[in-house]
Every structure is written in C-alpha cells, then in structure tokens.
PDB file of N, CA and C in Angstrom:
ATOM      1  N   MET A   1       7.606-126.422 100.457  1.00  0.00           N
ATOM      2  CA  MET A   1       6.413-126.660  99.672  1.00  0.00           C
ATOM      3  C   MET A   1       5.692-127.938 100.130  1.00  0.00           C
ATOM      4  N   TYR A   2       6.476-129.014 100.318  1.00  0.00           N
ATOM      5  CA  TYR A   2       5.864-130.274 100.747  1.00  0.00           C
ATOM      6  C   TYR A   2       5.272-130.153 102.149  1.00  0.00           C
ATOM      7  N   ARG A   3       5.923-129.345 103.008  1.00  0.00           N
ATOM      8  CA  ARG A   3       5.392-129.138 104.349  1.00  0.00           C
ATOM      9  C   ARG A   3       4.045-128.433 104.299  1.00  0.00           C
ATOM     10  N   LEU A   4       3.941-127.454 103.426  1.00  0.00           N
ATOM     11  CA  LEU A   4       2.688-126.715 103.286  1.00  0.00           C
ATOM     12  C   LEU A   4       1.568-127.628 102.792  1.00  0.00           C
ATOM     13  N   ILE A   5       1.875-128.467 101.829  1.00  0.00           N
ATOM     14  CA  ILE A   5       0.875-129.413 101.307  1.00  0.00           C
ATOM     15  C   ILE A   5       0.468-130.399 102.404  1.00  0.00           C
ATOM     16  N   ALA A   6       1.459-130.946 103.115  1.00  0.00           N
ATOM     17  CA  ALA A   6       1.170-131.896 104.184  1.00  0.00           C
ATOM     18  C   ALA A   6       0.348-131.242 105.283  1.00  0.00           C
ATOM     19  N   LEU A   7       0.701-130.019 105.648  1.00  0.00           N
ATOM     20  CA  LEU A   7      -0.047-129.302 106.677  1.00  0.00           C
ATOM     21  C   LEU A   7      -1.479-129.029 106.225  1.00  0.00           C
ATOM     22  N   THR A   8      -1.662-128.670 104.983  1.00  0.00           N
ATOM     23  CA  THR A   8      -2.996-128.408 104.441  1.00  0.00           C
ATOM     24  C   THR A   8      -3.845-129.673 104.450  1.00  0.00           C
ATOM     25  N   VAL A   9      -3.283-130.768 103.986  1.00  0.00           N
ATOM     26  CA  VAL A   9      -4.006-132.045 103.958  1.00  0.00           C
ATOM     27  C   VAL A   9      -4.368-132.472 105.372  1.00  0.00           C
ATOM     28  N   PHE A  10      -3.416-132.388 106.289  1.00  0.00           N
ATOM     29  CA  PHE A  10      -3.679-132.763 107.673  1.00  0.00           C
ATOM     30  C   PHE A  10      -4.776-131.888 108.270  1.00  0.00           C
ATOM     31  N   SER A  11      -4.721-130.595 108.026  1.00  0.00           N
ATOM     32  CA  SER A  11      -5.731-129.666 108.557  1.00  0.00           C
ATOM     33  C   SER A  11      -7.118-129.982 108.028  1.00  0.00           C
ATOM     34  N   LEU A  12      -7.209-130.253 106.735  1.00  0.00           N
ATOM     35  CA  LEU A  12      -8.507-130.586 106.143  1.00  0.00           C
ATOM     36  C   LEU A  12      -9.043-131.893 106.707  1.00  0.00           C
ATOM     37  N   LEU A  13      -8.177-132.875 106.869  1.00  0.00           N
ATOM     38  CA  LEU A  13      -8.586-134.153 107.443  1.00  0.00           C
ATOM     39  C   LEU A  13      -9.059-133.955 108.880  1.00  0.00           C
ATOM     40  N   PHE A  14      -8.321-133.192 109.651  1.00  0.00           N
ATOM     41  CA  PHE A  14      -8.680-132.919 111.039  1.00  0.00           C
ATOM     42  C   PHE A  14     -10.037-132.222 111.128  1.00  0.00           C
ATOM     43  N   LEU A  15     -10.230-131.195 110.316  1.00  0.00           N
ATOM     44  CA  LEU A  15     -11.497-130.469 110.332  1.00  0.00           C
ATOM     45  C   LEU A  15     -12.661-131.343 109.887  1.00  0.00           C
ATOM     46  N   THR A  16     -12.425-132.191 108.905  1.00  0.00           N
ATOM     47  CA  THR A  16     -13.477-133.083 108.421  1.00  0.00           C
ATOM     48  C   THR A  16     -13.906-134.054 109.512  1.00  0.00           C
ATOM     49  N   ILE A  17     -12.942-134.639 110.178  1.00  0.00           N
ATOM     50  CA  ILE A  17     -13.250-135.620 111.220  1.00  0.00           C
ATOM     51  C   ILE A  17     -13.970-134.964 112.387  1.00  0.00           C
ATOM     52  N   HIS A  18     -13.519-133.806 112.806  1.00  0.00           N
ATOM     53  CA  HIS A  18     -14.096-133.163 113.981  1.00  0.00           C
ATOM     54  C   HIS A  18     -15.338-132.337 113.698  1.00  0.00           C
ATOM     55  N   SER A  19     -15.701-132.184 112.451  1.00  0.00           N
ATOM     56  CA  SER A  19     -16.920-131.441 112.160  1.00  0.00           C
ATOM     57  C   SER A  19     -18.122-132.354 111.970  1.00  0.00           C
ATOM     58  N   CYS A  20     -17.907-133.651 112.066  1.00  0.00           N
ATOM     59  CA  CYS A  20     -19.013-134.597 111.925  1.00  0.00           C
ATOM     60  C   CYS A  20     -19.999-134.414 113.076  1.00  0.00           C
ATOM     61  N   LYS A  21     -21.253-134.696 112.791  1.00  0.00           N
ATOM     62  CA  LYS A  21     -22.316-134.557 113.788  1.00  0.00           C
ATOM     63  C   LYS A  21     -22.103-135.557 114.910  1.00  0.00           C
ATOM     64  N   VAL A  22     -22.185-135.094 116.123  1.00  0.00           N
ATOM     65  CA  VAL A  22     -22.087-135.955 117.287  1.00  0.00           C
ATOM     66  C   VAL A  22     -23.501-136.215 117.773  1.00  0.00           C
ATOM     67  N   ASP A  23     -23.807-137.483 117.954  1.00  0.00           N
ATOM     68  CA  ASP A  23     -25.136-137.876 118.395  1.00  0.00           C
ATOM     69  C   ASP A  23     -25.152-137.909 119.917  1.00  0.00           C
ATOM     70  N   ASN A  24     -25.824-136.961 120.546  1.00  0.00           N
ATOM     71  CA  ASN A  24     -25.826-136.829 121.998  1.00  0.00           C
ATOM     72  C   ASN A  24     -26.967-137.599 122.644  1.00  0.00           C
ATOM     73  N   VAL A  25     -27.103-138.849 122.313  1.00  0.00           N
ATOM     74  CA  VAL A  25     -28.136-139.705 122.883  1.00  0.00           C
ATOM     75  C   VAL A  25     -27.544-140.385 124.115  1.00  0.00           C
ATOM     76  N   PRO A  26     -28.241-140.358 125.249  1.00  0.00           N
ATOM     77  CA  PRO A  26     -27.707-141.022 126.430  1.00  0.00           C
ATOM     78  C   PRO A  26     -27.541-142.519 126.185  1.00  0.00           C
ATOM     79  N   PRO A  27     -26.594-143.130 126.876  1.00  0.00           N
ATOM     80  CA  PRO A  27     -26.359-144.566 126.681  1.00  0.00           C
ATOM     81  C   PRO A  27     -27.597-145.398 127.000  1.00  0.00           C
ATOM     82  N   VAL A  28     -27.742-146.474 126.263  1.00  0.00           N
ATOM     83  CA  VAL A  28     -28.854-147.392 126.482  1.00  0.00           C
ATOM     84  C   VAL A  28     -28.466-148.368 127.589  1.00  0.00           C
ATOM     85  N   ASN A  29     -29.334-148.523 128.548  1.00  0.00           N
ATOM     86  CA  ASN A  29     -29.133-149.526 129.581  1.00  0.00           C
ATOM     87  C   ASN A  29     -29.819-150.786 129.074  1.00  0.00           C
ATOM     88  N   CYS A  30     -29.038-151.788 128.755  1.00  0.00           N
ATOM     89  CA  CYS A  30     -29.584-153.013 128.156  1.00  0.00           C
ATOM     90  C   CYS A  30     -30.658-153.657 129.023  1.00  0.00           C
ATOM     91  N   ASP A  31     -30.561-153.493 130.331  1.00  0.00           N
ATOM     92  CA  ASP A  31     -31.548-154.098 131.235  1.00  0.00           C
ATOM     93  C   ASP A  31     -32.911-153.428 131.139  1.00  0.00           C
ATOM     94  N   ASN A  32     -32.945-152.191 130.649  1.00  0.00           N
ATOM     95  CA  ASN A  32     -34.207-151.448 130.607  1.00  0.00           C
ATOM     96  C   ASN A  32     -34.864-151.431 129.232  1.00  0.00           C
ATOM     97  N   VAL A  33     -34.345-152.196 128.290  1.00  0.00           N
ATOM     98  CA  VAL A  33     -34.902-152.198 126.935  1.00  0.00           C
ATOM     99  C   VAL A  33     -35.989-153.254 126.862  1.00  0.00           C
ATOM    100  N   SER A  34     -37.176-152.832 126.446  1.00  0.00           N
ATOM    101  CA  SER A  34     -38.264-153.798 126.305  1.00  0.00           C
ATOM    102  C   SER A  34     -38.255-154.368 124.892  1.00  0.00           C
ATOM    103  N   ASP A  35     -38.587-155.615 124.789  1.00  0.00           N
ATOM    104  CA  ASP A  35     -38.692-156.324 123.516  1.00  0.00           C
ATOM    105  C   ASP A  35     -37.415-156.224 122.680  1.00  0.00           C
ATOM    106  N   LEU A  36     -36.291-156.565 123.308  1.00  0.00           N
ATOM    107  CA  LEU A  36     -34.997-156.538 122.630  1.00  0.00           C
ATOM    108  C   LEU A  36     -34.834-157.822 121.811  1.00  0.00           C
ATOM    109  N   THR A  37     -35.638-157.892 120.749  1.00  0.00           N
ATOM    110  CA  THR A  37     -35.615-159.034 119.842  1.00  0.00           C
ATOM    111  C   THR A  37     -35.536-158.505 118.419  1.00  0.00           C
ATOM    112  N   TYR A  38     -35.274-159.411 117.490  1.00  0.00           N
ATOM    113  CA  TYR A  38     -35.263-158.998 116.081  1.00  0.00           C
ATOM    114  C   TYR A  38     -36.640-158.480 115.676  1.00  0.00           C
ATOM    115  N   ASN A  39     -37.679-159.231 116.032  1.00  0.00           N
ATOM    116  CA  ASN A  39     -39.040-158.829 115.650  1.00  0.00           C
ATOM    117  C   ASN A  39     -39.538-157.612 116.417  1.00  0.00           C
ATOM    118  N   GLY A  40     -38.916-157.300 117.554  1.00  0.00           N
ATOM    119  CA  GLY A  40     -39.327-156.150 118.347  1.00  0.00           C
ATOM    120  C   GLY A  40     -38.552-154.895 117.977  1.00  0.00           C
ATOM    121  N   ALA A  41     -37.418-154.696 118.609  1.00  0.00           N
ATOM    122  CA  ALA A  41     -36.663-153.445 118.459  1.00  0.00           C
ATOM    123  C   ALA A  41     -35.689-153.427 117.286  1.00  0.00           C
ATOM    124  N   ILE A  42     -35.141-154.567 116.912  1.00  0.00           N
ATOM    125  CA  ILE A  42     -34.015-154.570 115.967  1.00  0.00           C
ATOM    126  C   ILE A  42     -34.434-154.661 114.506  1.00  0.00           C
ATOM    127  N   GLY A  43     -35.424-155.478 114.190  1.00  0.00           N
ATOM    128  CA  GLY A  43     -35.872-155.622 112.803  1.00  0.00           C
ATOM    129  C   GLY A  43     -36.177-154.301 112.120  1.00  0.00           C
ATOM    130  N   PRO A  44     -36.917-153.400 112.774  1.00  0.00           N
ATOM    131  CA  PRO A  44     -37.200-152.111 112.135  1.00  0.00           C
ATOM    132  C   PRO A  44     -35.928-151.303 111.823  1.00  0.00           C
ATOM    133  N   ILE A  45     -34.921-151.390 112.680  1.00  0.00           N
ATOM    134  CA  ILE A  45     -33.662-150.689 112.420  1.00  0.00           C
ATOM    135  C   ILE A  45     -32.984-151.273 111.181  1.00  0.00           C
ATOM    136  N   ILE A  46     -32.913-152.597 111.127  1.00  0.00           N
ATOM    137  CA  ILE A  46     -32.272-153.285 109.994  1.00  0.00           C
ATOM    138  C   ILE A  46     -33.031-152.989 108.707  1.00  0.00           C
ATOM    139  N   LYS A  47     -34.351-153.068 108.770  1.00  0.00           N
ATOM    140  CA  LYS A  47     -35.168-152.867 107.562  1.00  0.00           C
ATOM    141  C   LYS A  47     -35.098-151.440 107.035  1.00  0.00           C
ATOM    142  N   SER A  48     -34.925-150.453 107.914  1.00  0.00           N
ATOM    143  CA  SER A  48     -34.896-149.064 107.447  1.00  0.00           C
ATOM    144  C   SER A  48     -33.495-148.571 107.100  1.00  0.00           C
ATOM    145  N   SER A  49     -32.464-149.272 107.559  1.00  0.00           N
ATOM    146  CA  SER A  49     -31.108-148.798 107.307  1.00  0.00           C
ATOM    147  C   SER A  49     -30.245-149.754 106.496  1.00  0.00           C
ATOM    148  N   CYS A  50     -30.607-151.026 106.451  1.00  0.00           N
ATOM    149  CA  CYS A  50     -29.755-152.029 105.793  1.00  0.00           C
ATOM    150  C   CYS A  50     -30.466-152.737 104.636  1.00  0.00           C
ATOM    151  N   ALA A  51     -31.674-153.217 104.887  1.00  0.00           N
ATOM    152  CA  ALA A  51     -32.414-153.992 103.889  1.00  0.00           C
ATOM    153  C   ALA A  51     -33.200-153.061 102.982  1.00  0.00           C
ATOM    154  N   ILE A  52     -32.490-152.147 102.343  1.00  0.00           N
ATOM    155  CA  ILE A  52     -33.110-151.140 101.485  1.00  0.00           C
ATOM    156  C   ILE A  52     -32.545-151.239 100.071  1.00  0.00           C
ATOM    157  N   SER A  53     -33.187-150.602  99.150  1.00  0.00           N
ATOM    158  CA  SER A  53     -32.747-150.614  97.760  1.00  0.00           C
ATOM    159  C   SER A  53     -31.315-150.113  97.647  1.00  0.00           C
ATOM    160  N   GLY A  54     -30.519-150.857  96.929  1.00  0.00           N
ATOM    161  CA  GLY A  54     -29.119-150.497  96.744  1.00  0.00           C
ATOM    162  C   GLY A  54     -28.204-151.033  97.824  1.00  0.00           C
ATOM    163  N   CYS A  55     -28.768-151.625  98.855  1.00  0.00           N
ATOM    164  CA  CYS A  55     -27.946-152.172  99.936  1.00  0.00           C
ATOM    165  C   CYS A  55     -28.209-153.680 100.068  1.00  0.00           C
ATOM    166  N   HIS A  56     -28.881-154.088 101.126  1.00  0.00           N
ATOM    167  CA  HIS A  56     -29.077-155.522 101.394  1.00  0.00           C
ATOM    168  C   HIS A  56     -30.535-155.942 101.268  1.00  0.00           C
ATOM    169  N   ASN A  57     -31.163-155.614 100.133  1.00  0.00           N
ATOM    170  CA  ASN A  57     -32.526-156.093  99.900  1.00  0.00           C
ATOM    171  C   ASN A  57     -32.475-157.338  99.017  1.00  0.00           C
ATOM    172  N   SER A  58     -33.628-157.830  98.606  1.00  0.00           N
ATOM    173  CA  SER A  58     -33.691-159.084  97.854  1.00  0.00           C
ATOM    174  C   SER A  58     -32.989-159.018  96.501  1.00  0.00           C
ATOM    175  N   LYS A  59     -32.770-157.829  95.973  1.00  0.00           N
ATOM    176  CA  LYS A  59     -32.103-157.685  94.680  1.00  0.00           C
ATOM    177  C   LYS A  59     -30.591-157.531  94.800  1.00  0.00           C
ATOM    178  N   ALA A  60     -30.079-157.504  96.002  1.00  0.00           N
ATOM    179  CA  ALA A  60     -28.648-157.286  96.218  1.00  0.00           C
ATOM    180  C   ALA A  60     -27.834-158.540  95.909  1.00  0.00           C
ATOM    181  N   SER A  61     -26.783-158.363  95.157  1.00  0.00           N
ATOM    182  CA  SER A  61     -25.907-159.495  94.835  1.00  0.00           C
ATOM    183  C   SER A  61     -25.020-159.857  96.024  1.00  0.00           C
ATOM    184  N   HIS A  62     -24.874-158.954  96.975  1.00  0.00           N
ATOM    185  CA  HIS A  62     -24.000-159.192  98.123  1.00  0.00           C
ATOM    186  C   HIS A  62     -24.771-159.609  99.375  1.00  0.00           C
ATOM    187  N   GLY A  63     -25.966-160.097  99.214  1.00  0.00           N
ATOM    188  CA  GLY A  63     -26.712-160.671 100.323  1.00  0.00           C
ATOM    189  C   GLY A  63     -27.854-159.815 100.837  1.00  0.00           C
ATOM    190  N   SER A  64     -28.984-160.450 101.026  1.00  0.00           N
ATOM    191  CA  SER A  64     -30.173-159.781 101.545  1.00  0.00           C
ATOM    192  C   SER A  64     -30.214-159.922 103.067  1.00  0.00           C
ATOM    193  N   LEU A  65     -30.647-158.859 103.727  1.00  0.00           N
ATOM    194  CA  LEU A  65     -30.827-158.878 105.175  1.00  0.00           C
ATOM    195  C   LEU A  65     -32.270-158.534 105.533  1.00  0.00           C
ATOM    196  N   GLU A  66     -33.196-158.976 104.720  1.00  0.00           N
ATOM    197  CA  GLU A  66     -34.605-158.631 104.910  1.00  0.00           C
ATOM    198  C   GLU A  66     -35.303-159.471 105.978  1.00  0.00           C
ATOM    199  N   THR A  67     -34.761-160.614 106.322  1.00  0.00           N
ATOM    200  CA  THR A  67     -35.404-161.482 107.312  1.00  0.00           C
ATOM    201  C   THR A  67     -34.378-161.943 108.351  1.00  0.00           C
ATOM    202  N   TYR A  68     -34.885-162.425 109.464  1.00  0.00           N
ATOM    203  CA  TYR A  68     -33.998-162.939 110.503  1.00  0.00           C
ATOM    204  C   TYR A  68     -33.158-164.107 109.978  1.00  0.00           C
ATOM    205  N   SER A  69     -33.754-164.981 109.210  1.00  0.00           N
ATOM    206  CA  SER A  69     -32.991-166.131 108.705  1.00  0.00           C
ATOM    207  C   SER A  69     -31.879-165.699 107.748  1.00  0.00           C
ATOM    208  N   GLN A  70     -32.074-164.586 107.059  1.00  0.00           N
ATOM    209  CA  GLN A  70     -31.036-164.090 106.156  1.00  0.00           C
ATOM    210  C   GLN A  70     -29.898-163.400 106.913  1.00  0.00           C
ATOM    211  N   ILE A  71     -30.214-162.761 108.022  1.00  0.00           N
ATOM    212  CA  ILE A  71     -29.174-162.072 108.792  1.00  0.00           C
ATOM    213  C   ILE A  71     -28.457-163.025 109.751  1.00  0.00           C
ATOM    214  N   SER A  72     -29.100-164.123 110.100  1.00  0.00           N
ATOM    215  CA  SER A  72     -28.586-165.057 111.097  1.00  0.00           C
ATOM    216  C   SER A  72     -27.148-165.535 110.842  1.00  0.00           C
ATOM    217  N   PRO A  73     -26.776-165.942 109.623  1.00  0.00           N
ATOM    218  CA  PRO A  73     -25.385-166.378 109.423  1.00  0.00           C
ATOM    219  C   PRO A  73     -24.364-165.281 109.737  1.00  0.00           C
ATOM    220  N   TYR A  74     -24.723-164.035 109.486  1.00  0.00           N
ATOM    221  CA  TYR A  74     -23.815-162.916 109.739  1.00  0.00           C
ATOM    222  C   TYR A  74     -23.747-162.564 111.224  1.00  0.00           C
ATOM    223  N   LEU A  75     -24.760-162.986 111.957  1.00  0.00           N
ATOM    224  CA  LEU A  75     -24.735-162.822 113.405  1.00  0.00           C
ATOM    225  C   LEU A  75     -23.814-163.872 114.015  1.00  0.00           C
ATOM    226  N   LYS A  76     -23.966-165.106 113.552  1.00  0.00           N
ATOM    227  CA  LYS A  76     -23.202-166.222 114.099  1.00  0.00           C
ATOM    228  C   LYS A  76     -21.714-166.105 113.822  1.00  0.00           C
ATOM    229  N   ASP A  77     -21.350-165.586 112.637  1.00  0.00           N
ATOM    230  CA  ASP A  77     -19.914-165.505 112.313  1.00  0.00           C
ATOM    231  C   ASP A  77     -19.262-164.196 112.764  1.00  0.00           C
ATOM    232  N   GLY A  78     -20.034-163.304 113.396  1.00  0.00           N
ATOM    233  CA  GLY A  78     -19.479-162.067 113.928  1.00  0.00           C
ATOM    234  C   GLY A  78     -19.397-160.910 112.948  1.00  0.00           C
ATOM    235  N   THR A  79     -19.901-161.107 111.723  1.00  0.00           N
ATOM    236  CA  THR A  79     -19.831-160.063 110.707  1.00  0.00           C
ATOM    237  C   THR A  79     -20.598-158.813 111.123  1.00  0.00           C
ATOM    238  N   ILE A  80     -21.790-158.986 111.681  1.00  0.00           N
ATOM    239  CA  ILE A  80     -22.595-157.838 112.090  1.00  0.00           C
ATOM    240  C   ILE A  80     -21.876-157.083 113.213  1.00  0.00           C
ATOM    241  N   GLN A  81     -21.391-157.805 114.191  1.00  0.00           N
ATOM    242  CA  GLN A  81     -20.654-157.172 115.292  1.00  0.00           C
ATOM    243  C   GLN A  81     -19.476-156.367 114.742  1.00  0.00           C
ATOM    244  N   TYR A  82     -18.701-156.965 113.858  1.00  0.00           N
ATOM    245  CA  TYR A  82     -17.484-156.334 113.354  1.00  0.00           C
ATOM    246  C   TYR A  82     -17.761-155.116 112.477  1.00  0.00           C
ATOM    247  N   TYR A  83     -18.598-155.286 111.448  1.00  0.00           N
ATOM    248  CA  TYR A  83     -18.805-154.201 110.483  1.00  0.00           C
ATOM    249  C   TYR A  83     -19.798-153.132 110.943  1.00  0.00           C
ATOM    250  N   VAL A  84     -20.790-153.524 111.730  1.00  0.00           N
ATOM    251  CA  VAL A  84     -21.815-152.570 112.144  1.00  0.00           C
ATOM    252  C   VAL A  84     -21.440-151.887 113.463  1.00  0.00           C
ATOM    253  N   VAL A  85     -21.057-152.656 114.464  1.00  0.00           N
ATOM    254  CA  VAL A  85     -20.825-152.099 115.797  1.00  0.00           C
ATOM    255  C   VAL A  85     -19.371-151.673 116.006  1.00  0.00           C
ATOM    256  N   ASP A  86     -18.435-152.559 115.702  1.00  0.00           N
ATOM    257  CA  ASP A  86     -17.025-152.256 115.986  1.00  0.00           C
ATOM    258  C   ASP A  86     -16.453-151.200 115.039  1.00  0.00           C
ATOM    259  N   LEU A  87     -16.522-151.448 113.745  1.00  0.00           N
ATOM    260  CA  LEU A  87     -15.957-150.520 112.762  1.00  0.00           C
ATOM    261  C   LEU A  87     -16.895-149.378 112.391  1.00  0.00           C
ATOM    262  N   ARG A  88     -18.198-149.630 112.559  1.00  0.00           N
ATOM    263  CA  ARG A  88     -19.232-148.684 112.105  1.00  0.00           C
ATOM    264  C   ARG A  88     -19.080-148.386 110.615  1.00  0.00           C
ATOM    265  N   TYR A  89     -18.657-149.404 109.894  1.00  0.00           N
ATOM    266  CA  TYR A  89     -18.465-149.320 108.441  1.00  0.00           C
ATOM    267  C   TYR A  89     -19.796-149.443 107.710  1.00  0.00           C
ATOM    268  N   MET A  90     -20.707-150.183 108.306  1.00  0.00           N
ATOM    269  CA  MET A  90     -22.036-150.373 107.745  1.00  0.00           C
ATOM    270  C   MET A  90     -23.065-149.866 108.732  1.00  0.00           C
ATOM    271  N   PRO A  91     -24.129-149.339 108.264  1.00  0.00           N
ATOM    272  CA  PRO A  91     -24.424-148.968 106.886  1.00  0.00           C
ATOM    273  C   PRO A  91     -23.578-147.759 106.463  1.00  0.00           C
ATOM    274  N   PRO A  92     -23.500-147.541 105.141  1.00  0.00           N
ATOM    275  CA  PRO A  92     -22.686-146.431 104.639  1.00  0.00           C
ATOM    276  C   PRO A  92     -23.217-145.073 105.100  1.00  0.00           C
ATOM    277  N   SER A  93     -22.445-144.065 104.857  1.00  0.00           N
ATOM    278  CA  SER A  93     -22.708-142.736 105.420  1.00  0.00           C
ATOM    279  C   SER A  93     -24.113-142.193 105.172  1.00  0.00           C
ATOM    280  N   SER A  94     -24.719-142.536 104.072  1.00  0.00           N
ATOM    281  CA  SER A  94     -26.050-142.001 103.796  1.00  0.00           C
ATOM    282  C   SER A  94     -27.135-142.614 104.692  1.00  0.00           C
ATOM    283  N   HIS A  95     -26.824-143.687 105.371  1.00  0.00           N
ATOM    284  CA  HIS A  95     -27.809-144.363 106.231  1.00  0.00           C
ATOM    285  C   HIS A  95     -27.227-144.683 107.604  1.00  0.00           C
ATOM    286  N   LYS A  96     -26.287-143.890 108.091  1.00  0.00           N
ATOM    287  CA  LYS A  96     -25.632-144.153 109.368  1.00  0.00           C
ATOM    288  C   LYS A  96     -26.642-144.344 110.492  1.00  0.00           C
ATOM    289  N   LEU A  97     -26.305-145.246 111.384  1.00  0.00           N
ATOM    290  CA  LEU A  97     -27.158-145.515 112.538  1.00  0.00           C
ATOM    291  C   LEU A  97     -26.860-144.516 113.644  1.00  0.00           C
ATOM    292  N   SER A  98     -27.877-144.162 114.401  1.00  0.00           N
ATOM    293  CA  SER A  98     -27.685-143.291 115.555  1.00  0.00           C
ATOM    294  C   SER A  98     -26.941-144.070 116.644  1.00  0.00           C
ATOM    295  N   SER A  99     -26.394-143.351 117.594  1.00  0.00           N
ATOM    296  CA  SER A  99     -25.730-144.006 118.727  1.00  0.00           C
ATOM    297  C   SER A  99     -26.707-144.895 119.475  1.00  0.00           C
ATOM    298  N   ASN A 100     -27.945-144.448 119.593  1.00  0.00           N
ATOM    299  CA  ASN A 100     -28.969-145.227 120.272  1.00  0.00           C
ATOM    300  C   ASN A 100     -29.217-146.554 119.542  1.00  0.00           C
ATOM    301  N   ASP A 101     -29.347-146.499 118.216  1.00  0.00           N
ATOM    302  CA  ASP A 101     -29.560-147.730 117.437  1.00  0.00           C
ATOM    303  C   ASP A 101     -28.360-148.661 117.547  1.00  0.00           C
ATOM    304  N   LEU A 102     -27.159-148.111 117.497  1.00  0.00           N
ATOM    305  CA  LEU A 102     -25.952-148.934 117.634  1.00  0.00           C
ATOM    306  C   LEU A 102     -25.906-149.606 118.998  1.00  0.00           C
ATOM    307  N   GLN A 103     -26.289-148.884 120.034  1.00  0.00           N
ATOM    308  CA  GLN A 103     -26.293-149.454 121.370  1.00  0.00           C
ATOM    309  C   GLN A 103     -27.365-150.525 121.518  1.00  0.00           C
ATOM    310  N   LEU A 104     -28.522-150.306 120.902  1.00  0.00           N
ATOM    311  CA  LEU A 104     -29.564-151.340 120.916  1.00  0.00           C
ATOM    312  C   LEU A 104     -29.080-152.611 120.233  1.00  0.00           C
ATOM    313  N   ILE A 105     -28.417-152.443 119.089  1.00  0.00           N
ATOM    314  CA  ILE A 105     -27.889-153.610 118.371  1.00  0.00           C
ATOM    315  C   ILE A 105     -26.835-154.316 119.218  1.00  0.00           C
ATOM    316  N   GLN A 106     -25.966-153.557 119.880  1.00  0.00           N
ATOM    317  CA  GLN A 106     -24.955-154.157 120.747  1.00  0.00           C
ATOM    318  C   GLN A 106     -25.616-154.939 121.874  1.00  0.00           C
ATOM    319  N   CYS A 107     -26.628-154.367 122.509  1.00  0.00           N
ATOM    320  CA  CYS A 107     -27.354-155.070 123.574  1.00  0.00           C
ATOM    321  C   CYS A 107     -27.971-156.361 123.045  1.00  0.00           C
ATOM    322  N   TRP A 108     -28.562-156.280 121.864  1.00  0.00           N
ATOM    323  CA  TRP A 108     -29.197-157.446 121.237  1.00  0.00           C
ATOM    324  C   TRP A 108     -28.170-158.535 120.956  1.00  0.00           C
ATOM    325  N   LEU A 109     -27.016-158.142 120.443  1.00  0.00           N
ATOM    326  CA  LEU A 109     -25.962-159.120 120.171  1.00  0.00           C
ATOM    327  C   LEU A 109     -25.496-159.776 121.472  1.00  0.00           C
ATOM    328  N   GLU A 110     -25.321-158.969 122.503  1.00  0.00           N
ATOM    329  CA  GLU A 110     -24.881-159.508 123.807  1.00  0.00           C
ATOM    330  C   GLU A 110     -25.914-160.442 124.421  1.00  0.00           C
ATOM    331  N   ALA A 111     -27.187-160.211 124.079  1.00  0.00           N
ATOM    332  CA  ALA A 111     -28.269-161.062 124.599  1.00  0.00           C
ATOM    333  C   ALA A 111     -28.418-162.349 123.798  1.00  0.00           C
ATOM    334  N   GLY A 112     -27.588-162.533 122.777  1.00  0.00           N
ATOM    335  CA  GLY A 112     -27.669-163.753 121.958  1.00  0.00           C
ATOM    336  C   GLY A 112     -28.540-163.584 120.728  1.00  0.00           C
ATOM    337  N   TYR A 113     -28.833-162.352 120.335  1.00  0.00           N
ATOM    338  CA  TYR A 113     -29.637-161.965 119.165  1.00  0.00           C
ATOM    339  C   TYR A 113     -30.921-162.787 118.997  1.00  0.00           C
ATOM    340  N   PRO A 114     -31.821-162.728 120.003  1.00  0.00           N
ATOM    341  CA  PRO A 114     -33.083-163.477 119.897  1.00  0.00           C
ATOM    342  C   PRO A 114     -33.973-162.954 118.768  1.00  0.00           C
ATOM    343  N   GLU A 115     -34.701-163.878 118.176  1.00  0.00           N
ATOM    344  CA  GLU A 115     -35.624-163.515 117.088  1.00  0.00           C
ATOM    345  C   GLU A 115     -36.930-162.983 117.639  1.00  0.00           C
ATOM    346  N   ASN A 116     -37.539-163.711 118.584  1.00  0.00           N
ATOM    347  CA  ASN A 116     -38.836-163.318 119.161  1.00  0.00           C
ATOM    348  C   ASN A 116     -38.698-163.041 120.648  1.00  0.00           C
TER     349      ASN A 116
END
C-alpha cells in the first residue's frame, strides 16, 4: 500500500515538473544587447513583473522595487542574483520571467548593473 502511494506521489510530481512550459528563446549574447541598463532594458522588466500590486510596489511591506535606488541594495548584496536568477524563486509563478528576460538580467548583473 505504501509503495503504491509513494509511486503515485512520485509520478504526479514527475509529470508536474516535466509538463511545465519550456521557453524556447535562443540564448542572449550579452555583447549584442543594446542599452543594457536599468533605464533601458531592465527597468521595464522589473516594473512589469516585480514592482506590481501585491508584490514589490510602494504599498508592499516587504520592500518596493519601483526605482533603481530601491533595487540597488538588493543588487549589491546579491539578493537579486540569488532569488531571481539562481533559484528563479522570484517573481512567483503568476509573473514568471521568460528565459530571455532572465538572461538579460544576468547580463546586466555581470555588467555591474548600470542605471543609465
């Protein structure tokens, strides 16, 4: 009985993980990205996926990410790299970033996260 339950749970977990949408966007070449700055390519991604109602807007008790100065401490301490790029924990499932957006953010972080 326990084997059947364990097998069922494992099967459901396996199917859930492998049925997720795969984003088939070609890799971003960081050298070919124009305006890889917060005000250029990155700000719009943050504003549409992170600095929204219920997440990291001005009314959020857990920190606003509406401006470069507000996101800057999380860039410097590695929080953005860890939670957004490495773990892909943020943003939550309803606002997941595309592979292209994640790669742009990674390129931006590697470039020293310039504002302008």
